Amino acid sequence: MSAPEFEVELASTGRLIPVARGQSVLSALREHGVDVVSSCEAGTCGTCQTRVLEGEVDHQDFVLDPEAQGEFMMICVSRARSGRLKLDL
């Protein structure tokens, strides 16, 4: 795996998951054995909606309105603008 572009912290355990350039958060989580529900993997269905506890998200989905974007992200397509995202997982 190439050098991580950012990290995802799992709030439940404090575990850090590296996310490489071009890799989805969903893919990185699965690669590290974290089971997350998803469906379309294109940012249109909302199945993988995850609460963001810390960090700045680069939203790439077609589901969340601006208010929801302040609290959630679609981990199948959206990325981090900060070096780390802490997710409610």
N, C-alpha and C. Protein backbone atom coordinates (compact mmCIF):
# COMPACT_ATOMS: atom_id res chain seq x y z
N MET A 1 0.85 -1.18 0.00
CA MET A 1 0.00 0.00 0.00
C MET A 1 0.89 1.24 0.00
N SER A 2 0.47 2.25 -0.73
CA SER A 2 1.24 3.49 -0.77
C SER A 2 1.06 4.27 0.53
N ALA A 3 1.83 5.32 0.69
CA ALA A 3 1.76 6.14 1.90
C ALA A 3 0.34 6.69 2.06
N PRO A 4 -0.15 6.72 3.30
CA PRO A 4 -1.52 7.20 3.51
C PRO A 4 -1.66 8.67 3.19
N GLU A 5 -2.81 9.00 2.63
CA GLU A 5 -3.15 10.40 2.37
C GLU A 5 -3.74 11.01 3.64
N PHE A 6 -4.48 10.18 4.37
CA PHE A 6 -5.03 10.58 5.67
C PHE A 6 -5.33 9.33 6.47
N GLU A 7 -5.73 9.52 7.73
CA GLU A 7 -6.07 8.40 8.60
C GLU A 7 -7.50 8.53 9.08
N VAL A 8 -8.09 7.39 9.37
CA VAL A 8 -9.41 7.34 9.99
C VAL A 8 -9.22 6.73 11.37
N GLU A 9 -9.72 7.42 12.37
CA GLU A 9 -9.69 6.90 13.74
C GLU A 9 -11.05 6.33 14.07
N LEU A 10 -11.08 5.11 14.60
CA LEU A 10 -12.32 4.48 15.03
C LEU A 10 -12.58 4.89 16.47
N ALA A 11 -13.66 5.59 16.72
CA ALA A 11 -13.95 6.11 18.06
C ALA A 11 -14.09 5.00 19.09
N SER A 12 -14.60 3.85 18.69
CA SER A 12 -14.85 2.77 19.66
C SER A 12 -13.57 2.15 20.21
N THR A 13 -12.48 2.20 19.42
CA THR A 13 -11.25 1.53 19.85
C THR A 13 -10.02 2.43 19.82
N GLY A 14 -10.09 3.56 19.12
CA GLY A 14 -8.92 4.42 18.94
C GLY A 14 -8.00 3.94 17.83
N ARG A 15 -8.36 2.86 17.19
CA ARG A 15 -7.55 2.28 16.10
C ARG A 15 -7.45 3.27 14.94
N LEU A 16 -6.26 3.37 14.35
CA LEU A 16 -6.04 4.24 13.19
C LEU A 16 -5.93 3.40 11.93
N ILE A 17 -6.70 3.78 10.93
CA ILE A 17 -6.71 3.09 9.64
C ILE A 17 -6.17 4.05 8.59
N PRO A 18 -5.08 3.70 7.90
CA PRO A 18 -4.56 4.57 6.84
C PRO A 18 -5.41 4.46 5.58
N VAL A 19 -5.63 5.61 4.93
CA VAL A 19 -6.38 5.65 3.67
C VAL A 19 -5.45 6.23 2.61
N ALA A 20 -5.16 5.44 1.60
CA ALA A 20 -4.23 5.84 0.54
C ALA A 20 -4.92 6.75 -0.48
N ARG A 21 -4.13 7.48 -1.21
CA ARG A 21 -4.64 8.31 -2.31
C ARG A 21 -5.40 7.39 -3.28
N GLY A 22 -6.60 7.80 -3.65
CA GLY A 22 -7.40 7.02 -4.58
C GLY A 22 -8.18 5.88 -3.95
N GLN A 23 -8.01 5.66 -2.66
CA GLN A 23 -8.73 4.60 -1.96
C GLN A 23 -9.89 5.20 -1.19
N SER A 24 -11.03 4.52 -1.17
CA SER A 24 -12.16 5.02 -0.38
C SER A 24 -11.97 4.67 1.09
N VAL A 25 -12.60 5.43 1.95
CA VAL A 25 -12.59 5.11 3.38
C VAL A 25 -13.18 3.71 3.57
N LEU A 26 -14.27 3.44 2.88
CA LEU A 26 -14.92 2.13 2.97
C LEU A 26 -13.94 1.01 2.62
N SER A 27 -13.23 1.15 1.54
CA SER A 27 -12.26 0.15 1.11
C SER A 27 -11.14 -0.03 2.13
N ALA A 28 -10.63 1.06 2.67
CA ALA A 28 -9.57 0.99 3.67
C ALA A 28 -10.06 0.27 4.92
N LEU A 29 -11.27 0.58 5.36
CA LEU A 29 -11.82 -0.09 6.54
C LEU A 29 -11.94 -1.59 6.31
N ARG A 30 -12.48 -1.96 5.17
CA ARG A 30 -12.64 -3.38 4.86
C ARG A 30 -11.29 -4.09 4.76
N GLU A 31 -10.31 -3.40 4.17
CA GLU A 31 -8.97 -3.97 4.04
C GLU A 31 -8.37 -4.30 5.40
N HIS A 32 -8.79 -3.54 6.42
CA HIS A 32 -8.27 -3.74 7.78
C HIS A 32 -9.26 -4.50 8.67
N GLY A 33 -10.20 -5.21 8.06
CA GLY A 33 -11.08 -6.10 8.80
C GLY A 33 -12.24 -5.44 9.51
N VAL A 34 -12.56 -4.19 9.16
CA VAL A 34 -13.69 -3.50 9.78
C VAL A 34 -14.91 -3.72 8.89
N ASP A 35 -15.93 -4.34 9.43
CA ASP A 35 -17.14 -4.65 8.66
C ASP A 35 -18.08 -3.45 8.68
N VAL A 36 -18.34 -2.89 7.50
CA VAL A 36 -19.21 -1.73 7.37
C VAL A 36 -20.25 -2.02 6.30
N VAL A 37 -21.50 -1.68 6.57
CA VAL A 37 -22.58 -1.92 5.62
C VAL A 37 -22.52 -0.88 4.50
N SER A 38 -22.71 -1.35 3.27
CA SER A 38 -22.78 -0.44 2.13
C SER A 38 -23.65 -1.08 1.06
N SER A 39 -23.98 -0.30 0.04
CA SER A 39 -24.78 -0.84 -1.04
C SER A 39 -24.25 -0.37 -2.39
N CYS A 40 -24.56 0.87 -2.76
CA CYS A 40 -24.23 1.34 -4.11
C CYS A 40 -22.74 1.63 -4.31
N GLU A 41 -22.07 2.06 -3.27
CA GLU A 41 -20.66 2.46 -3.30
C GLU A 41 -20.39 3.56 -4.32
N ALA A 42 -21.40 4.41 -4.55
CA ALA A 42 -21.28 5.54 -5.48
C ALA A 42 -21.77 6.84 -4.86
N GLY A 43 -22.14 6.82 -3.58
CA GLY A 43 -22.57 8.04 -2.91
C GLY A 43 -23.99 8.46 -3.23
N THR A 44 -24.83 7.50 -3.64
CA THR A 44 -26.20 7.86 -4.00
C THR A 44 -27.27 7.22 -3.12
N CYS A 45 -26.95 6.15 -2.39
CA CYS A 45 -28.01 5.44 -1.65
C CYS A 45 -28.10 5.82 -0.17
N GLY A 46 -27.00 6.23 0.44
CA GLY A 46 -27.00 6.61 1.84
C GLY A 46 -26.76 5.48 2.82
N THR A 47 -26.56 4.26 2.35
CA THR A 47 -26.39 3.10 3.23
C THR A 47 -25.17 3.22 4.13
N CYS A 48 -24.08 3.77 3.63
CA CYS A 48 -22.83 3.81 4.41
C CYS A 48 -22.67 5.10 5.22
N GLN A 49 -23.75 5.84 5.40
CA GLN A 49 -23.69 7.09 6.17
C GLN A 49 -23.07 6.83 7.53
N THR A 50 -22.07 7.63 7.88
CA THR A 50 -21.33 7.46 9.13
C THR A 50 -21.15 8.81 9.80
N ARG A 51 -21.33 8.84 11.12
CA ARG A 51 -21.17 10.07 11.89
C ARG A 51 -19.69 10.43 12.00
N VAL A 52 -19.39 11.70 11.74
CA VAL A 52 -18.02 12.22 11.86
C VAL A 52 -17.91 12.97 13.18
N LEU A 53 -16.98 12.55 14.03
CA LEU A 53 -16.81 13.17 15.34
C LEU A 53 -15.75 14.27 15.32
N GLU A 54 -14.74 14.11 14.47
CA GLU A 54 -13.68 15.11 14.35
C GLU A 54 -13.12 15.07 12.94
N GLY A 55 -12.60 16.21 12.49
CA GLY A 55 -11.97 16.30 11.18
C GLY A 55 -12.85 16.99 10.17
N GLU A 56 -12.24 17.33 9.05
CA GLU A 56 -12.94 18.05 7.99
C GLU A 56 -13.12 17.12 6.79
N VAL A 57 -14.37 17.01 6.32
CA VAL A 57 -14.73 16.08 5.25
C VAL A 57 -14.80 16.80 3.92
N ASP A 58 -14.31 16.14 2.88
CA ASP A 58 -14.48 16.57 1.49
C ASP A 58 -15.63 15.74 0.94
N HIS A 59 -16.84 16.30 0.99
CA HIS A 59 -18.05 15.56 0.61
C HIS A 59 -18.13 15.38 -0.90
N GLN A 60 -18.32 14.12 -1.33
CA GLN A 60 -18.43 13.79 -2.75
C GLN A 60 -19.71 13.01 -3.05
N ASP A 61 -20.64 12.98 -2.09
CA ASP A 61 -21.87 12.21 -2.25
C ASP A 61 -22.97 13.05 -2.89
N PHE A 62 -24.08 12.39 -3.16
CA PHE A 62 -25.25 13.04 -3.74
C PHE A 62 -26.46 12.94 -2.82
N VAL A 63 -26.23 12.65 -1.55
CA VAL A 63 -27.30 12.35 -0.62
C VAL A 63 -27.46 13.40 0.48
N LEU A 64 -26.37 13.79 1.10
CA LEU A 64 -26.44 14.65 2.29
C LEU A 64 -26.69 16.11 1.93
N ASP A 65 -27.64 16.73 2.65
CA ASP A 65 -27.85 18.16 2.49
C ASP A 65 -26.80 18.88 3.36
N PRO A 66 -26.64 20.19 3.18
CA PRO A 66 -25.59 20.91 3.92
C PRO A 66 -25.66 20.74 5.43
N GLU A 67 -26.85 20.67 5.99
CA GLU A 67 -26.97 20.48 7.44
C GLU A 67 -26.43 19.12 7.86
N ALA A 68 -26.79 18.08 7.14
CA ALA A 68 -26.33 16.73 7.46
C ALA A 68 -24.82 16.59 7.23
N GLN A 69 -24.27 17.33 6.28
CA GLN A 69 -22.84 17.27 6.01
C GLN A 69 -22.02 17.72 7.21
N GLY A 70 -22.61 18.50 8.10
CA GLY A 70 -21.90 18.93 9.31
C GLY A 70 -21.72 17.82 10.32
N GLU A 71 -22.44 16.70 10.13
CA GLU A 71 -22.41 15.63 11.12
C GLU A 71 -22.07 14.25 10.53
N PHE A 72 -22.33 14.06 9.26
CA PHE A 72 -22.18 12.73 8.64
C PHE A 72 -21.35 12.80 7.36
N MET A 73 -20.94 11.61 6.90
CA MET A 73 -20.31 11.47 5.59
C MET A 73 -20.69 10.13 5.00
N MET A 74 -20.57 10.03 3.69
CA MET A 74 -20.73 8.76 2.99
C MET A 74 -19.33 8.21 2.76
N ILE A 75 -18.97 7.18 3.51
CA ILE A 75 -17.60 6.69 3.49
C ILE A 75 -17.22 5.97 2.20
N CYS A 76 -18.18 5.73 1.32
CA CYS A 76 -17.86 5.07 0.05
C CYS A 76 -17.22 6.03 -0.95
N VAL A 77 -17.48 7.34 -0.81
CA VAL A 77 -16.96 8.28 -1.81
C VAL A 77 -16.28 9.51 -1.22
N SER A 78 -16.70 9.95 -0.05
CA SER A 78 -16.16 11.19 0.52
C SER A 78 -14.80 10.94 1.17
N ARG A 79 -14.01 11.99 1.26
CA ARG A 79 -12.63 11.88 1.75
C ARG A 79 -12.39 12.92 2.83
N ALA A 80 -11.18 13.00 3.30
CA ALA A 80 -10.81 13.97 4.34
C ALA A 80 -10.11 15.17 3.73
N ARG A 81 -10.39 16.33 4.28
CA ARG A 81 -9.62 17.54 3.96
C ARG A 81 -8.56 17.77 5.02
N SER A 82 -8.71 17.07 6.13
CA SER A 82 -7.74 17.14 7.22
C SER A 82 -6.93 15.85 7.23
N GLY A 83 -5.90 15.80 8.04
CA GLY A 83 -5.05 14.61 8.09
C GLY A 83 -5.68 13.41 8.78
N ARG A 84 -6.76 13.65 9.53
CA ARG A 84 -7.42 12.56 10.24
C ARG A 84 -8.90 12.85 10.39
N LEU A 85 -9.68 11.80 10.24
CA LEU A 85 -11.11 11.84 10.54
C LEU A 85 -11.37 10.87 11.67
N LYS A 86 -12.10 11.31 12.68
CA LYS A 86 -12.53 10.41 13.75
C LYS A 86 -13.99 10.07 13.47
N LEU A 87 -14.25 8.78 13.27
CA LEU A 87 -15.59 8.32 12.91
C LEU A 87 -16.23 7.55 14.04
N ASP A 88 -17.54 7.62 14.11
CA ASP A 88 -18.32 6.93 15.13
C ASP A 88 -18.50 5.46 14.74
N LEU A 89 -17.38 4.78 14.71
CA LEU A 89 -17.35 3.35 14.38
C LEU A 89 -16.60 2.60 15.47
